[in-house]
Amino acid sequence: RVQLVESGGGSVQAGGSLRLSCAHSRYTYRNYCVAWFRQAPGKEREGVAAIDHDGSTSYADSVKGRFTISDDTAENTLYLQMNSLKPDDTAMYYCAAIYWAPFACTVAAGFGAGFPAWGQGTQVTVSS
């Protein structure tokens, strides 16, 4: 199972940027899907962005054009570059990973239910 540790959260004003990092153990298998999720108080967890072993990416509609997911396998670090932040982006952000996912590595309703490995989360707060 992949070990994951997030960092990089903080407080910013609307319009600002943050880069989240997720240090992970070296991938054991060739086939994997890693992703960022977030959960705001009183709301359900939602998928934000995902990337698979081929480098294919997927984003939630709410962050398309503002967020970029990348995975540096040499440094064993997953990133989420967040630009043009909005107050609605305020949430706890988590990274997660799965090998040989029995589902598409695509952000969609219910995405995340099958991920066995999760980080502890990092808080992002965007003020207006």
Protein backbone atom coordinates (compact mmCIF):
# COMPACT_ATOMS: atom_id res chain seq x y z
CA ARG A 1 0.00 0.00 0.00
CA VAL A 2 1.28 3.46 -0.87
CA GLN A 3 2.17 5.71 2.06
CA LEU A 4 1.10 9.34 1.59
CA VAL A 5 1.86 12.60 3.45
CA GLU A 6 0.36 15.93 2.34
CA SER A 7 1.80 19.39 2.92
CA GLY A 8 1.58 22.89 1.53
CA GLY A 9 -1.82 24.00 2.76
CA GLY A 10 -2.38 27.42 4.27
CA SER A 11 -4.45 30.58 4.20
CA VAL A 12 -4.58 32.83 1.16
CA GLN A 13 -6.76 35.57 -0.21
CA ALA A 14 -9.05 35.00 -3.16
CA GLY A 15 -7.10 35.09 -6.38
CA GLY A 16 -3.97 33.73 -4.76
CA SER A 17 -2.11 30.49 -5.36
CA LEU A 18 -0.92 27.51 -3.37
CA ARG A 19 0.94 24.33 -4.28
CA LEU A 20 0.09 21.21 -2.37
CA SER A 21 2.56 18.36 -2.14
CA CYS A 22 1.95 14.71 -1.38
CA ALA A 23 5.08 12.73 -0.59
CA HIS A 24 4.50 9.09 -1.39
CA SER A 25 6.38 5.86 -1.17
CA ARG A 26 7.87 4.55 -4.38
CA TYR A 27 5.29 2.92 -6.59
CA THR A 28 5.48 -0.84 -6.33
CA TYR A 29 3.41 -1.59 -9.41
CA ARG A 30 3.33 -0.10 -12.88
CA ASN A 31 -0.42 0.47 -12.92
CA TYR A 32 -1.70 3.14 -10.54
CA CYS A 33 -4.05 6.07 -10.12
CA VAL A 34 -3.32 8.92 -7.72
CA ALA A 35 -5.65 11.78 -6.97
CA TRP A 36 -6.49 14.81 -4.88
CA PHE A 37 -9.76 15.08 -3.00
CA ARG A 38 -11.22 17.73 -0.74
CA GLN A 39 -13.87 17.95 1.91
CA ALA A 40 -15.36 21.15 3.27
CA PRO A 41 -17.24 21.25 6.60
CA GLY A 42 -20.76 19.89 6.18
CA LYS A 43 -20.10 18.73 2.62
CA GLU A 44 -19.30 15.41 1.04
CA ARG A 45 -15.81 14.55 -0.10
CA GLU A 46 -15.26 15.33 -3.76
CA GLY A 47 -12.63 14.44 -6.28
CA VAL A 48 -10.53 17.38 -7.46
CA ALA A 49 -7.93 15.98 -9.84
CA ALA A 50 -6.44 12.64 -10.82
CA ILE A 51 -3.47 11.34 -12.77
CA ASP A 52 -2.65 7.80 -13.84
CA HIS A 53 0.54 5.89 -14.62
CA ASP A 54 0.42 7.09 -18.25
CA GLY A 55 0.19 10.71 -17.21
CA SER A 56 -3.44 11.13 -18.20
CA THR A 57 -5.18 13.73 -16.08
CA SER A 58 -8.75 14.45 -15.06
CA TYR A 59 -10.25 17.42 -13.22
CA ALA A 60 -13.48 18.39 -11.55
CA ASP A 61 -15.33 21.00 -13.59
CA SER A 62 -15.06 23.45 -10.70
CA VAL A 63 -11.26 23.54 -10.91
CA LYS A 64 -10.58 23.11 -14.63
CA GLY A 65 -8.27 25.80 -15.90
CA ARG A 66 -7.20 26.78 -12.37
CA PHE A 67 -5.66 23.63 -10.86
CA THR A 68 -2.92 21.40 -12.28
CA ILE A 69 -2.03 17.94 -11.02
CA SER A 70 1.41 16.48 -11.61
CA ASP A 71 3.37 13.52 -10.35
CA ASP A 72 7.14 13.60 -10.08
CA THR A 73 8.02 9.92 -9.85
CA ALA A 74 11.74 10.72 -9.51
CA GLU A 75 11.01 12.66 -6.34
CA ASN A 76 8.06 10.45 -5.34
CA THR A 77 5.88 13.51 -4.94
CA LEU A 78 2.40 14.31 -6.21
CA TYR A 79 1.58 17.99 -6.64
CA LEU A 80 -1.53 20.12 -6.97
CA GLN A 81 -0.87 23.63 -8.23
CA MET A 82 -3.86 25.79 -7.36
CA ASN A 83 -4.23 29.20 -8.98
CA SER A 84 -7.00 31.79 -8.93
CA LEU A 85 -8.24 30.39 -5.65
CA LYS A 86 -11.79 31.10 -4.57
CA PRO A 87 -13.45 30.97 -1.13
CA ASP A 88 -15.35 27.89 -2.36
CA ASP A 89 -12.00 26.09 -2.59
CA THR A 90 -11.71 26.19 1.20
CA ALA A 91 -11.49 22.59 2.42
CA MET A 92 -9.27 19.87 3.79
CA TYR A 93 -7.33 18.41 0.88
CA TYR A 94 -6.29 14.78 0.74
CA CYS A 95 -4.22 12.73 -1.65
CA ALA A 96 -5.01 9.09 -2.33
CA ALA A 97 -3.64 6.22 -4.37
CA ILE A 98 -4.68 2.86 -5.74
CA TYR A 99 -2.95 0.14 -7.73
CA TRP A 100 -4.78 -1.69 -10.51
CA ALA A 101 -7.94 0.35 -10.02
CA PRO A 102 -11.08 -1.53 -11.12
CA PHE A 103 -12.43 1.82 -12.32
CA ALA A 104 -11.31 4.65 -14.60
CA CYS A 105 -8.86 7.14 -13.13
CA THR A 106 -11.35 9.90 -13.83
CA VAL A 107 -12.91 12.44 -11.49
CA ALA A 108 -16.62 11.67 -11.37
CA ALA A 109 -19.43 11.12 -8.90
CA GLY A 110 -18.40 8.52 -6.36
CA PHE A 111 -14.74 8.70 -7.35
CA GLY A 112 -12.67 7.93 -4.32
CA ALA A 113 -14.76 5.22 -2.72
CA GLY A 114 -12.34 2.52 -3.81
CA PHE A 115 -9.06 4.15 -2.82
CA PRO A 116 -7.34 2.14 -0.05
CA ALA A 117 -4.50 4.56 0.72
CA TRP A 118 -5.02 8.11 2.00
CA GLY A 119 -2.92 10.88 3.50
CA GLN A 120 -3.84 12.77 6.66
CA GLY A 121 -4.93 15.92 4.84
CA THR A 122 -3.79 19.54 4.63
CA GLN A 123 -6.08 22.52 5.22
CA VAL A 124 -6.62 25.19 2.57
CA THR A 125 -8.46 28.36 3.55
CA VAL A 126 -9.30 31.05 1.00
CA SER A 127 -10.63 34.36 2.27
CA SER A 128 -12.60 36.86 0.21
